[in-house]
Amino acid sequence: MRLLEVTVRPGETTPMHGSPYPAVLAFNAIYNPADITEKTLDPSSPLNGQGAGHGGPPKVYNLKVPTCVTTAPRAPYTIHNAGAAPLHYHQIEFERIDGDALTENWRKWYPWMQYMQFVR
């Protein structure tokens, strides 16, 4: 797992970057979606965040934020903030480990999984 804190200031454009892992984005401010522009390096890429979903803020205390969005891995893209307020969110990426390393080390990396068979 990897946690990133992202801030895109008003008028700022991020460098071209990609997100190789599925992620959850938690926005902790209200912003106007019309002020945010995304441009992909390859619009026809199969890695453009398909499978995304959206979850509203918690209903407790009538909160307006945070809102959450899920994304699949994403091809390189850039974000431009044309608004007057910063765009700020946390991105939690879920890296996947496959192959022999997982087979050999899962007990050391994820010791709690040994007890999953006892959880109902």
PDB file of N, CA and C in Angstrom:
ATOM      1  N   MET A   1       0.840  -1.164   0.000  1.00  0.00           N
ATOM      2  CA  MET A   1       0.000   0.000   0.000  1.00  0.00           C
ATOM      3  C   MET A   1       0.895   1.241   0.000  1.00  0.00           C
ATOM      4  N   ARG A   2       0.418   2.284  -0.654  1.00  0.00           N
ATOM      5  CA  ARG A   2       1.166   3.534  -0.688  1.00  0.00           C
ATOM      6  C   ARG A   2       0.182   4.679  -0.510  1.00  0.00           C
ATOM      7  N   LEU A   3       0.542   5.641   0.335  1.00  0.00           N
ATOM      8  CA  LEU A   3      -0.301   6.806   0.593  1.00  0.00           C
ATOM      9  C   LEU A   3       0.375   8.040   0.022  1.00  0.00           C
ATOM     10  N   LEU A   4      -0.355   8.770  -0.825  1.00  0.00           N
ATOM     11  CA  LEU A   4       0.161  10.003  -1.406  1.00  0.00           C
ATOM     12  C   LEU A   4      -0.745  11.158  -0.999  1.00  0.00           C
ATOM     13  N   GLU A   5      -0.166  12.286  -0.674  1.00  0.00           N
ATOM     14  CA  GLU A   5      -0.939  13.505  -0.451  1.00  0.00           C
ATOM     15  C   GLU A   5      -0.733  14.381  -1.672  1.00  0.00           C
ATOM     16  N   VAL A   6      -1.829  14.798  -2.296  1.00  0.00           N
ATOM     17  CA  VAL A   6      -1.750  15.560  -3.538  1.00  0.00           C
ATOM     18  C   VAL A   6      -2.401  16.923  -3.345  1.00  0.00           C
ATOM     19  N   THR A   7      -1.699  17.974  -3.746  1.00  0.00           N
ATOM     20  CA  THR A   7      -2.240  19.321  -3.761  1.00  0.00           C
ATOM     21  C   THR A   7      -1.934  19.930  -5.120  1.00  0.00           C
ATOM     22  N   VAL A   8      -2.977  20.414  -5.792  1.00  0.00           N
ATOM     23  CA  VAL A   8      -2.805  21.121  -7.059  1.00  0.00           C
ATOM     24  C   VAL A   8      -3.318  22.543  -6.812  1.00  0.00           C
ATOM     25  N   ARG A   9      -2.390  23.492  -6.772  1.00  0.00           N
ATOM     26  CA  ARG A   9      -2.737  24.882  -6.462  1.00  0.00           C
ATOM     27  C   ARG A   9      -3.507  25.532  -7.622  1.00  0.00           C
ATOM     28  N   PRO A  10      -4.222  26.606  -7.347  1.00  0.00           N
ATOM     29  CA  PRO A  10      -4.942  27.313  -8.415  1.00  0.00           C
ATOM     30  C   PRO A  10      -3.992  27.712  -9.549  1.00  0.00           C
ATOM     31  N   GLY A  11      -4.398  27.432 -10.762  1.00  0.00           N
ATOM     32  CA  GLY A  11      -3.587  27.767 -11.933  1.00  0.00           C
ATOM     33  C   GLY A  11      -2.476  26.777 -12.229  1.00  0.00           C
ATOM     34  N   GLU A  12      -2.284  25.778 -11.380  1.00  0.00           N
ATOM     35  CA  GLU A  12      -1.178  24.832 -11.535  1.00  0.00           C
ATOM     36  C   GLU A  12      -1.592  23.645 -12.416  1.00  0.00           C
ATOM     37  N   THR A  13      -0.608  23.130 -13.159  1.00  0.00           N
ATOM     38  CA  THR A  13      -0.771  21.910 -13.951  1.00  0.00           C
ATOM     39  C   THR A  13       0.275  20.920 -13.473  1.00  0.00           C
ATOM     40  N   THR A  14      -0.149  19.715 -13.168  1.00  0.00           N
ATOM     41  CA  THR A  14       0.787  18.695 -12.685  1.00  0.00           C
ATOM     42  C   THR A  14       1.624  18.167 -13.849  1.00  0.00           C
ATOM     43  N   PRO A  15       2.800  17.635 -13.563  1.00  0.00           N
ATOM     44  CA  PRO A  15       3.567  16.957 -14.612  1.00  0.00           C
ATOM     45  C   PRO A  15       2.808  15.704 -15.074  1.00  0.00           C
ATOM     46  N   MET A  16       3.108  15.250 -16.262  1.00  0.00           N
ATOM     47  CA  MET A  16       2.512  14.013 -16.775  1.00  0.00           C
ATOM     48  C   MET A  16       2.941  12.874 -15.858  1.00  0.00           C
ATOM     49  N   HIS A  17       2.000  12.086 -15.395  1.00  0.00           N
ATOM     50  CA  HIS A  17       2.290  10.973 -14.493  1.00  0.00           C
ATOM     51  C   HIS A  17       1.206   9.915 -14.645  1.00  0.00           C
ATOM     52  N   GLY A  18       1.477   8.720 -14.198  1.00  0.00           N
ATOM     53  CA  GLY A  18       0.500   7.637 -14.241  1.00  0.00           C
ATOM     54  C   GLY A  18       0.298   7.058 -12.859  1.00  0.00           C
ATOM     55  N   SER A  19      -0.711   6.240 -12.750  1.00  0.00           N
ATOM     56  CA  SER A  19      -0.989   5.542 -11.496  1.00  0.00           C
ATOM     57  C   SER A  19      -1.052   4.055 -11.827  1.00  0.00           C
ATOM     58  N   PRO A  20       0.011   3.319 -11.515  1.00  0.00           N
ATOM     59  CA  PRO A  20       0.078   1.924 -11.943  1.00  0.00           C
ATOM     60  C   PRO A  20      -0.792   0.966 -11.128  1.00  0.00           C
ATOM     61  N   TYR A  21      -1.384   1.436 -10.031  1.00  0.00           N
ATOM     62  CA  TYR A  21      -2.147   0.557  -9.148  1.00  0.00           C
ATOM     63  C   TYR A  21      -3.563   1.081  -8.939  1.00  0.00           C
ATOM     64  N   PRO A  22      -4.498   0.192  -8.613  1.00  0.00           N
ATOM     65  CA  PRO A  22      -5.834   0.665  -8.228  1.00  0.00           C
ATOM     66  C   PRO A  22      -5.706   1.562  -6.999  1.00  0.00           C
ATOM     67  N   ALA A  23      -6.613   2.523  -6.870  1.00  0.00           N
ATOM     68  CA  ALA A  23      -6.482   3.487  -5.777  1.00  0.00           C
ATOM     69  C   ALA A  23      -7.835   3.979  -5.292  1.00  0.00           C
ATOM     70  N   VAL A  24      -7.808   4.534  -4.094  1.00  0.00           N
ATOM     71  CA  VAL A  24      -8.932   5.274  -3.530  1.00  0.00           C
ATOM     72  C   VAL A  24      -8.437   6.700  -3.326  1.00  0.00           C
ATOM     73  N   LEU A  25      -9.220   7.670  -3.811  1.00  0.00           N
ATOM     74  CA  LEU A  25      -8.892   9.080  -3.633  1.00  0.00           C
ATOM     75  C   LEU A  25      -9.903   9.665  -2.657  1.00  0.00           C
ATOM     76  N   ALA A  26      -9.424  10.289  -1.604  1.00  0.00           N
ATOM     77  CA  ALA A  26     -10.288  10.907  -0.599  1.00  0.00           C
ATOM     78  C   ALA A  26     -10.082  12.419  -0.660  1.00  0.00           C
ATOM     79  N   PHE A  27     -11.098  13.125  -1.168  1.00  0.00           N
ATOM     80  CA  PHE A  27     -11.045  14.580  -1.304  1.00  0.00           C
ATOM     81  C   PHE A  27     -11.535  15.200  -0.010  1.00  0.00           C
ATOM     82  N   ASN A  28     -10.747  16.076   0.581  1.00  0.00           N
ATOM     83  CA  ASN A  28     -11.136  16.653   1.863  1.00  0.00           C
ATOM     84  C   ASN A  28     -11.514  18.125   1.748  1.00  0.00           C
ATOM     85  N   ALA A  29     -11.909  18.553   0.567  1.00  0.00           N
ATOM     86  CA  ALA A  29     -12.371  19.922   0.377  1.00  0.00           C
ATOM     87  C   ALA A  29     -13.441  19.921  -0.714  1.00  0.00           C
ATOM     88  N   ILE A  30     -14.274  20.928  -0.692  1.00  0.00           N
ATOM     89  CA  ILE A  30     -15.285  21.067  -1.732  1.00  0.00           C
ATOM     90  C   ILE A  30     -14.669  21.882  -2.866  1.00  0.00           C
ATOM     91  N   TYR A  31     -14.794  21.399  -4.081  1.00  0.00           N
ATOM     92  CA  TYR A  31     -14.251  22.101  -5.237  1.00  0.00           C
ATOM     93  C   TYR A  31     -15.257  21.980  -6.371  1.00  0.00           C
ATOM     94  N   ASN A  32     -15.114  22.826  -7.365  1.00  0.00           N
ATOM     95  CA  ASN A  32     -15.997  22.795  -8.521  1.00  0.00           C
ATOM     96  C   ASN A  32     -15.367  21.887  -9.577  1.00  0.00           C
ATOM     97  N   PRO A  33     -15.998  20.753  -9.899  1.00  0.00           N
ATOM     98  CA  PRO A  33     -15.414  19.838 -10.888  1.00  0.00           C
ATOM     99  C   PRO A  33     -15.172  20.502 -12.246  1.00  0.00           C
ATOM    100  N   ALA A  34     -15.927  21.547 -12.577  1.00  0.00           N
ATOM    101  CA  ALA A  34     -15.727  22.241 -13.853  1.00  0.00           C
ATOM    102  C   ALA A  34     -14.381  22.952 -13.904  1.00  0.00           C
ATOM    103  N   ASP A  35     -13.769  23.209 -12.737  1.00  0.00           N
ATOM    104  CA  ASP A  35     -12.472  23.886 -12.685  1.00  0.00           C
ATOM    105  C   ASP A  35     -11.292  22.942 -12.883  1.00  0.00           C
ATOM    106  N   ILE A  36     -11.542  21.641 -12.850  1.00  0.00           N
ATOM    107  CA  ILE A  36     -10.470  20.648 -12.932  1.00  0.00           C
ATOM    108  C   ILE A  36     -10.496  19.992 -14.311  1.00  0.00           C
ATOM    109  N   THR A  37      -9.366  20.036 -14.999  1.00  0.00           N
ATOM    110  CA  THR A  37      -9.247  19.436 -16.321  1.00  0.00           C
ATOM    111  C   THR A  37      -8.185  18.347 -16.277  1.00  0.00           C
ATOM    112  N   GLU A  38      -8.521  17.185 -16.799  1.00  0.00           N
ATOM    113  CA  GLU A  38      -7.537  16.105 -16.929  1.00  0.00           C
ATOM    114  C   GLU A  38      -7.259  15.884 -18.408  1.00  0.00           C
ATOM    115  N   LYS A  39      -5.998  15.678 -18.738  1.00  0.00           N
ATOM    116  CA  LYS A  39      -5.596  15.394 -20.109  1.00  0.00           C
ATOM    117  C   LYS A  39      -4.760  14.126 -20.080  1.00  0.00           C
ATOM    118  N   THR A  40      -5.132  13.141 -20.872  1.00  0.00           N
ATOM    119  CA  THR A  40      -4.390  11.882 -20.901  1.00  0.00           C
ATOM    120  C   THR A  40      -3.391  11.893 -22.053  1.00  0.00           C
ATOM    121  N   LEU A  41      -2.281  11.232 -21.837  1.00  0.00           N
ATOM    122  CA  LEU A  41      -1.257  11.123 -22.867  1.00  0.00           C
ATOM    123  C   LEU A  41      -1.800  10.328 -24.056  1.00  0.00           C
ATOM    124  N   ASP A  42      -2.523   9.250 -23.761  1.00  0.00           N
ATOM    125  CA  ASP A  42      -3.100   8.404 -24.795  1.00  0.00           C
ATOM    126  C   ASP A  42      -4.569   8.159 -24.460  1.00  0.00           C
ATOM    127  N   PRO A  43      -5.483   8.962 -25.027  1.00  0.00           N
ATOM    128  CA  PRO A  43      -6.903   8.821 -24.691  1.00  0.00           C
ATOM    129  C   PRO A  43      -7.484   7.444 -24.994  1.00  0.00           C
ATOM    130  N   SER A  44      -6.869   6.690 -25.902  1.00  0.00           N
ATOM    131  CA  SER A  44      -7.404   5.370 -26.244  1.00  0.00           C
ATOM    132  C   SER A  44      -6.795   4.247 -25.403  1.00  0.00           C
ATOM    133  N   SER A  45      -5.940   4.592 -24.451  1.00  0.00           N
ATOM    134  CA  SER A  45      -5.309   3.572 -23.618  1.00  0.00           C
ATOM    135  C   SER A  45      -6.358   2.812 -22.811  1.00  0.00           C
ATOM    136  N   PRO A  46      -6.188   1.491 -22.683  1.00  0.00           N
ATOM    137  CA  PRO A  46      -7.121   0.732 -21.847  1.00  0.00           C
ATOM    138  C   PRO A  46      -6.922   1.025 -20.355  1.00  0.00           C
ATOM    139  N   LEU A  47      -5.883   1.777 -20.004  1.00  0.00           N
ATOM    140  CA  LEU A  47      -5.620   2.098 -18.596  1.00  0.00           C
ATOM    141  C   LEU A  47      -6.021   3.530 -18.269  1.00  0.00           C
ATOM    142  N   ASN A  48      -7.255   3.880 -18.453  1.00  0.00           N
ATOM    143  CA  ASN A  48      -7.688   5.243 -18.155  1.00  0.00           C
ATOM    144  C   ASN A  48      -8.696   5.287 -17.019  1.00  0.00           C
ATOM    145  N   GLY A  49      -8.447   4.507 -15.976  1.00  0.00           N
ATOM    146  CA  GLY A  49      -9.255   4.590 -14.770  1.00  0.00           C
ATOM    147  C   GLY A  49     -10.594   3.895 -14.834  1.00  0.00           C
ATOM    148  N   GLN A  50     -10.751   2.925 -15.762  1.00  0.00           N
ATOM    149  CA  GLN A  50     -12.010   2.225 -15.854  1.00  0.00           C
ATOM    150  C   GLN A  50     -12.310   1.519 -14.540  1.00  0.00           C
ATOM    151  N   GLY A  51     -13.562   1.299 -14.290  1.00  0.00           N
ATOM    152  CA  GLY A  51     -13.943   0.609 -13.066  1.00  0.00           C
ATOM    153  C   GLY A  51     -14.039   1.536 -11.879  1.00  0.00           C
ATOM    154  N   ALA A  52     -14.039   2.837 -12.126  1.00  0.00           N
ATOM    155  CA  ALA A  52     -14.088   3.796 -11.027  1.00  0.00           C
ATOM    156  C   ALA A  52     -15.478   3.816 -10.403  1.00  0.00           C
ATOM    157  N   GLY A  53     -15.517   4.198  -9.152  1.00  0.00           N
ATOM    158  CA  GLY A  53     -16.773   4.371  -8.444  1.00  0.00           C
ATOM    159  C   GLY A  53     -16.689   5.610  -7.582  1.00  0.00           C
ATOM    160  N   HIS A  54     -17.796   5.996  -6.983  1.00  0.00           N
ATOM    161  CA  HIS A  54     -17.825   7.206  -6.166  1.00  0.00           C
ATOM    162  C   HIS A  54     -18.599   6.931  -4.889  1.00  0.00           C
ATOM    163  N   GLY A  55     -18.066   7.404  -3.785  1.00  0.00           N
ATOM    164  CA  GLY A  55     -18.756   7.297  -2.508  1.00  0.00           C
ATOM    165  C   GLY A  55     -18.873   8.679  -1.894  1.00  0.00           C
ATOM    166  N   GLY A  56     -20.065   9.015  -1.478  1.00  0.00           N
ATOM    167  CA  GLY A  56     -20.282  10.326  -0.884  1.00  0.00           C
ATOM    168  C   GLY A  56     -19.700  10.426   0.508  1.00  0.00           C
ATOM    169  N   PRO A  57     -19.775  11.601   1.101  1.00  0.00           N
ATOM    170  CA  PRO A  57     -19.252  11.786   2.457  1.00  0.00           C
ATOM    171  C   PRO A  57     -20.120  11.043   3.465  1.00  0.00           C
ATOM    172  N   PRO A  58     -19.589  10.795   4.653  1.00  0.00           N
ATOM    173  CA  PRO A  58     -20.384  10.140   5.684  1.00  0.00           C
ATOM    174  C   PRO A  58     -21.638  10.960   5.993  1.00  0.00           C
ATOM    175  N   LYS A  59     -22.736  10.274   6.260  1.00  0.00           N
ATOM    176  CA  LYS A  59     -24.012  10.952   6.534  1.00  0.00           C
ATOM    177  C   LYS A  59     -24.079  11.522   7.951  1.00  0.00           C
ATOM    178  N   VAL A  60     -23.167  11.092   8.815  1.00  0.00           N
ATOM    179  CA  VAL A  60     -23.168  11.552  10.196  1.00  0.00           C
ATOM    180  C   VAL A  60     -22.898  13.057  10.246  1.00  0.00           C
ATOM    181  N   TYR A  61     -23.643  13.779  11.025  1.00  0.00           N
ATOM    182  CA  TYR A  61     -23.460  15.220  11.226  1.00  0.00           C
ATOM    183  C   TYR A  61     -23.606  16.026   9.941  1.00  0.00           C
ATOM    184  N   ASN A  62     -24.261  15.443   8.914  1.00  0.00           N
ATOM    185  CA  ASN A  62     -24.527  16.161   7.664  1.00  0.00           C
ATOM    186  C   ASN A  62     -23.246  16.670   6.998  1.00  0.00           C
ATOM    187  N   LEU A  63     -22.191  15.862   7.001  1.00  0.00           N
ATOM    188  CA  LEU A  63     -20.904  16.269   6.428  1.00  0.00           C
ATOM    189  C   LEU A  63     -20.997  16.427   4.913  1.00  0.00           C
ATOM    190  N   LYS A  64     -20.235  17.337   4.370  1.00  0.00           N
ATOM    191  CA  LYS A  64     -20.146  17.543   2.918  1.00  0.00           C
ATOM    192  C   LYS A  64     -18.876  16.909   2.347  1.00  0.00           C
ATOM    193  N   VAL A  65     -17.860  16.745   3.159  1.00  0.00           N
ATOM    194  CA  VAL A  65     -16.599  16.124   2.761  1.00  0.00           C
ATOM    195  C   VAL A  65     -16.176  15.191   3.891  1.00  0.00           C
ATOM    196  N   PRO A  66     -15.357  14.210   3.718  1.00  0.00           N
ATOM    197  CA  PRO A  66     -14.659  13.876   2.476  1.00  0.00           C
ATOM    198  C   PRO A  66     -15.538  13.059   1.536  1.00  0.00           C
ATOM    199  N   THR A  67     -15.243  13.164   0.260  1.00  0.00           N
ATOM    200  CA  THR A  67     -15.846  12.289  -0.723  1.00  0.00           C
ATOM    201  C   THR A  67     -14.738  11.385  -1.238  1.00  0.00           C
ATOM    202  N   CYS A  68     -15.113  10.213  -1.684  1.00  0.00           N
ATOM    203  CA  CYS A  68     -14.116   9.244  -2.137  1.00  0.00           C
ATOM    204  C   CYS A  68     -14.424   8.780  -3.553  1.00  0.00           C
ATOM    205  N   VAL A  69     -13.378   8.484  -4.274  1.00  0.00           N
ATOM    206  CA  VAL A  69     -13.475   7.963  -5.630  1.00  0.00           C
ATOM    207  C   VAL A  69     -12.504   6.796  -5.729  1.00  0.00           C
ATOM    208  N   THR A  70     -12.904   5.742  -6.420  1.00  0.00           N
ATOM    209  CA  THR A  70     -11.976   4.641  -6.675  1.00  0.00           C
ATOM    210  C   THR A  70     -11.557   4.701  -8.139  1.00  0.00           C
ATOM    211  N   THR A  71     -10.323   4.293  -8.412  1.00  0.00           N
ATOM    212  CA  THR A  71      -9.854   4.230  -9.794  1.00  0.00           C
ATOM    213  C   THR A  71      -9.092   2.936 -10.009  1.00  0.00           C
ATOM    214  N   ALA A  72      -9.156   2.471 -11.225  1.00  0.00           N
ATOM    215  CA  ALA A  72      -8.307   1.370 -11.654  1.00  0.00           C
ATOM    216  C   ALA A  72      -6.951   1.981 -12.008  1.00  0.00           C
ATOM    217  N   PRO A  73      -5.951   1.174 -12.369  1.00  0.00           N
ATOM    218  CA  PRO A  73      -4.677   1.759 -12.817  1.00  0.00           C
ATOM    219  C   PRO A  73      -4.931   2.754 -13.948  1.00  0.00           C
ATOM    220  N   ARG A  74      -4.119   3.804 -13.993  1.00  0.00           N
ATOM    221  CA  ARG A  74      -4.330   4.855 -14.987  1.00  0.00           C
ATOM    222  C   ARG A  74      -3.092   5.082 -15.831  1.00  0.00           C
ATOM    223  N   ALA A  75      -3.328   5.292 -17.127  1.00  0.00           N
ATOM    224  CA  ALA A  75      -2.257   5.660 -18.048  1.00  0.00           C
ATOM    225  C   ALA A  75      -1.795   7.078 -17.704  1.00  0.00           C
ATOM    226  N   PRO A  76      -0.658   7.515 -18.219  1.00  0.00           N
ATOM    227  CA  PRO A  76      -0.165   8.860 -17.905  1.00  0.00           C
ATOM    228  C   PRO A  76      -1.200   9.948 -18.202  1.00  0.00           C
ATOM    229  N   TYR A  77      -1.305  10.882 -17.267  1.00  0.00           N
ATOM    230  CA  TYR A  77      -2.253  11.987 -17.382  1.00  0.00           C
ATOM    231  C   TYR A  77      -1.713  13.195 -16.628  1.00  0.00           C
ATOM    232  N   THR A  78      -2.334  14.319 -16.845  1.00  0.00           N
ATOM    233  CA  THR A  78      -1.981  15.552 -16.152  1.00  0.00           C
ATOM    234  C   THR A  78      -3.272  16.217 -15.685  1.00  0.00           C
ATOM    235  N   ILE A  79      -3.197  16.957 -14.591  1.00  0.00           N
ATOM    236  CA  ILE A  79      -4.359  17.646 -14.028  1.00  0.00           C
ATOM    237  C   ILE A  79      -4.069  19.149 -14.034  1.00  0.00           C
ATOM    238  N   HIS A  80      -5.068  19.927 -14.455  1.00  0.00           N
ATOM    239  CA  HIS A  80      -4.955  21.392 -14.382  1.00  0.00           C
ATOM    240  C   HIS A  80      -6.071  21.910 -13.489  1.00  0.00           C
ATOM    241  N   ASN A  81      -5.715  22.774 -12.538  1.00  0.00           N
ATOM    242  CA  ASN A  81      -6.683  23.381 -11.640  1.00  0.00           C
ATOM    243  C   ASN A  81      -6.901  24.826 -12.075  1.00  0.00           C
ATOM    244  N   ALA A  82      -8.052  25.112 -12.693  1.00  0.00           N
ATOM    245  CA  ALA A  82      -8.380  26.462 -13.141  1.00  0.00           C
ATOM    246  C   ALA A  82      -9.192  27.221 -12.098  1.00  0.00           C
ATOM    247  N   GLY A  83      -9.424  26.601 -10.950  1.00  0.00           N
ATOM    248  CA  GLY A  83     -10.238  27.224  -9.916  1.00  0.00           C
ATOM    249  C   GLY A  83      -9.461  28.195  -9.053  1.00  0.00           C
ATOM    250  N   ALA A  84     -10.168  28.754  -8.066  1.00  0.00           N
ATOM    251  CA  ALA A  84      -9.561  29.718  -7.150  1.00  0.00           C
ATOM    252  C   ALA A  84      -9.069  29.055  -5.871  1.00  0.00           C
ATOM    253  N   ALA A  85      -9.440  27.805  -5.658  1.00  0.00           N
ATOM    254  CA  ALA A  85      -9.047  27.082  -4.436  1.00  0.00           C
ATOM    255  C   ALA A  85      -8.173  25.893  -4.804  1.00  0.00           C
ATOM    256  N   PRO A  86      -7.275  25.478  -3.913  1.00  0.00           N
ATOM    257  CA  PRO A  86      -6.444  24.311  -4.188  1.00  0.00           C
ATOM    258  C   PRO A  86      -7.286  23.040  -4.254  1.00  0.00           C
ATOM    259  N   LEU A  87      -6.863  22.122  -5.095  1.00  0.00           N
ATOM    260  CA  LEU A  87      -7.432  20.774  -5.124  1.00  0.00           C
ATOM    261  C   LEU A  87      -6.548  19.954  -4.190  1.00  0.00           C
ATOM    262  N   HIS A  88      -7.142  19.315  -3.203  1.00  0.00           N
ATOM    263  CA  HIS A  88      -6.353  18.579  -2.214  1.00  0.00           C
ATOM    264  C   HIS A  88      -7.020  17.247  -1.933  1.00  0.00           C
ATOM    265  N   TYR A  89      -6.232  16.161  -2.020  1.00  0.00           N
ATOM    266  CA  TYR A  89      -6.770  14.839  -1.712  1.00  0.00           C
ATOM    267  C   TYR A  89      -5.650  13.900  -1.307  1.00  0.00           C
ATOM    268  N   HIS A  90      -6.045  12.786  -0.719  1.00  0.00           N
ATOM    269  CA  HIS A  90      -5.116  11.708  -0.385  1.00  0.00           C
ATOM    270  C   HIS A  90      -5.416  10.542  -1.310  1.00  0.00           C
ATOM    271  N   GLN A  91      -4.378   9.943  -1.838  1.00  0.00           N
ATOM    272  CA  GLN A  91      -4.520   8.812  -2.752  1.00  0.00           C
ATOM    273  C   GLN A  91      -3.901   7.593  -2.095  1.00  0.00           C
ATOM    274  N   ILE A  92      -4.707   6.572  -1.917  1.00  0.00           N
ATOM    275  CA  ILE A  92      -4.237   5.320  -1.319  1.00  0.00           C
ATOM    276  C   ILE A  92      -4.154   4.295  -2.439  1.00  0.00           C
ATOM    277  N   GLU A  93      -2.951   3.864  -2.772  1.00  0.00           N
ATOM    278  CA  GLU A  93      -2.734   2.892  -3.844  1.00  0.00           C
ATOM    279  C   GLU A  93      -2.542   1.512  -3.249  1.00  0.00           C
ATOM    280  N   PHE A  94      -3.104   0.534  -3.911  1.00  0.00           N
ATOM    281  CA  PHE A  94      -3.022  -0.848  -3.450  1.00  0.00           C
ATOM    282  C   PHE A  94      -2.132  -1.637  -4.397  1.00  0.00           C
ATOM    283  N   GLU A  95      -0.863  -1.779  -4.011  1.00  0.00           N
ATOM    284  CA  GLU A  95       0.096  -2.510  -4.826  1.00  0.00           C
ATOM    285  C   GLU A  95      -0.148  -4.008  -4.658  1.00  0.00           C
ATOM    286  N   ARG A  96       0.071  -4.727  -5.702  1.00  0.00           N
ATOM    287  CA  ARG A  96      -0.129  -6.170  -5.654  1.00  0.00           C
ATOM    288  C   ARG A  96       1.215  -6.861  -5.808  1.00  0.00           C
ATOM    289  N   ILE A  97       1.424  -7.841  -4.971  1.00  0.00           N
ATOM    290  CA  ILE A  97       2.667  -8.612  -5.034  1.00  0.00           C
ATOM    291  C   ILE A  97       2.304 -10.027  -5.478  1.00  0.00           C
ATOM    292  N   ASP A  98       2.910 -10.477  -6.550  1.00  0.00           N
ATOM    293  CA  ASP A  98       2.648 -11.813  -7.077  1.00  0.00           C
ATOM    294  C   ASP A  98       3.936 -12.629  -7.101  1.00  0.00           C
ATOM    295  N   GLY A  99       3.777 -13.882  -7.428  1.00  0.00           N
ATOM    296  CA  GLY A  99       4.922 -14.728  -7.703  1.00  0.00           C
ATOM    297  C   GLY A  99       5.537 -15.363  -6.480  1.00  0.00           C
ATOM    298  N   ASP A 100       6.775 -15.813  -6.664  1.00  0.00           N
ATOM    299  CA  ASP A 100       7.482 -16.563  -5.629  1.00  0.00           C
ATOM    300  C   ASP A 100       7.697 -15.752  -4.358  1.00  0.00           C
ATOM    301  N   ALA A 101       7.900 -14.456  -4.489  1.00  0.00           N
ATOM    302  CA  ALA A 101       8.148 -13.636  -3.302  1.00  0.00           C
ATOM    303  C   ALA A 101       6.960 -13.699  -2.350  1.00  0.00           C
ATOM    304  N   LEU A 102       5.743 -13.662  -2.891  1.00  0.00           N
ATOM    305  CA  LEU A 102       4.561 -13.743  -2.044  1.00  0.00           C
ATOM    306  C   LEU A 102       4.444 -15.134  -1.423  1.00  0.00           C
ATOM    307  N   THR A 103       4.655 -16.150  -2.215  1.00  0.00           N
ATOM    308  CA  THR A 103       4.571 -17.522  -1.724  1.00  0.00           C
ATOM    309  C   THR A 103       5.555 -17.773  -0.595  1.00  0.00           C
ATOM    310  N   GLU A 104       6.744 -17.236  -0.725  1.00  0.00           N
ATOM    311  CA  GLU A 104       7.788 -17.473   0.265  1.00  0.00           C
ATOM    312  C   GLU A 104       7.690 -16.578   1.499  1.00  0.00           C
ATOM    313  N   ASN A 105       7.117 -15.392   1.361  1.00  0.00           N
ATOM    314  CA  ASN A 105       7.192 -14.407   2.442  1.00  0.00           C
ATOM    315  C   ASN A 105       5.859 -13.972   3.038  1.00  0.00           C
ATOM    316  N   TRP A 106       4.738 -14.558   2.625  1.00  0.00           N
ATOM    317  CA  TRP A 106       3.461 -14.037   3.085  1.00  0.00           C
ATOM    318  C   TRP A 106       3.312 -14.085   4.592  1.00  0.00           C
ATOM    319  N   ARG A 107       3.848 -15.086   5.260  1.00  0.00           N
ATOM    320  CA  ARG A 107       3.734 -15.164   6.727  1.00  0.00           C
ATOM    321  C   ARG A 107       4.488 -14.024   7.410  1.00  0.00           C
ATOM    322  N   LYS A 108       5.613 -13.631   6.828  1.00  0.00           N
ATOM    323  CA  LYS A 108       6.404 -12.537   7.391  1.00  0.00           C
ATOM    324  C   LYS A 108       5.763 -11.182   7.072  1.00  0.00           C
ATOM    325  N   TRP A 109       5.269 -11.003   5.824  1.00  0.00           N
ATOM    326  CA  TRP A 109       4.709  -9.724   5.409  1.00  0.00           C
ATOM    327  C   TRP A 109       3.310  -9.489   5.977  1.00  0.00           C
ATOM    328  N   TYR A 110       2.515 -10.549   6.069  1.00  0.00           N
ATOM    329  CA  TYR A 110       1.117 -10.441   6.502  1.00  0.00           C
ATOM    330  C   TYR A 110       0.829 -11.468   7.597  1.00  0.00           C
ATOM    331  N   PRO A 111       1.428 -11.316   8.774  1.00  0.00           N
ATOM    332  CA  PRO A 111       1.284 -12.350   9.804  1.00  0.00           C
ATOM    333  C   PRO A 111      -0.160 -12.570  10.240  1.00  0.00           C
ATOM    334  N   TRP A 112      -0.989 -11.564  10.180  1.00  0.00           N
ATOM    335  CA  TRP A 112      -2.379 -11.710  10.595  1.00  0.00           C
ATOM    336  C   TRP A 112      -3.159 -12.660   9.694  1.00  0.00           C
ATOM    337  N   MET A 113      -2.709 -12.891   8.453  1.00  0.00           N
ATOM    338  CA  MET A 113      -3.434 -13.766   7.532  1.00  0.00           C
ATOM    339  C   MET A 113      -3.432 -15.220   7.995  1.00  0.00           C
ATOM    340  N   GLN A 114      -2.488 -15.587   8.848  1.00  0.00           N
ATOM    341  CA  GLN A 114      -2.442 -16.959   9.346  1.00  0.00           C
ATOM    342  C   GLN A 114      -3.706 -17.306  10.127  1.00  0.00           C
ATOM    343  N   TYR A 115      -4.363 -16.262  10.659  1.00  0.00           N
ATOM    344  CA  TYR A 115      -5.526 -16.488  11.504  1.00  0.00           C
ATOM    345  C   TYR A 115      -6.841 -16.307  10.765  1.00  0.00           C
ATOM    346  N   MET A 116      -6.795 -16.013   9.473  1.00  0.00           N
ATOM    347  CA  MET A 116      -8.015 -15.794   8.697  1.00  0.00           C
ATOM    348  C   MET A 116      -8.925 -17.024   8.689  1.00  0.00           C
ATOM    349  N   GLN A 117      -8.361 -18.216   8.767  1.00  0.00           N
ATOM    350  CA  GLN A 117      -9.181 -19.416   8.742  1.00  0.00           C
ATOM    351  C   GLN A 117     -10.103 -19.507   9.956  1.00  0.00           C
ATOM    352  N   PHE A 118      -9.787 -18.767  11.015  1.00  0.00           N
ATOM    353  CA  PHE A 118     -10.604 -18.810  12.223  1.00  0.00           C
ATOM    354  C   PHE A 118     -11.657 -17.710  12.262  1.00  0.00           C
ATOM    355  N   VAL A 119     -11.624 -16.804  11.285  1.00  0.00           N
ATOM    356  CA  VAL A 119     -12.572 -15.690  11.236  1.00  0.00           C
ATOM    357  C   VAL A 119     -13.796 -16.129  10.446  1.00  0.00           C
ATOM    358  N   ARG A 120     -14.956 -15.871  11.000  1.00  0.00           N
ATOM    359  CA  ARG A 120     -16.187 -16.242  10.277  1.00  0.00           C
ATOM    360  C   ARG A 120     -16.874 -15.036   9.738  1.00  0.00           C
TER     361      ARG A 120
END
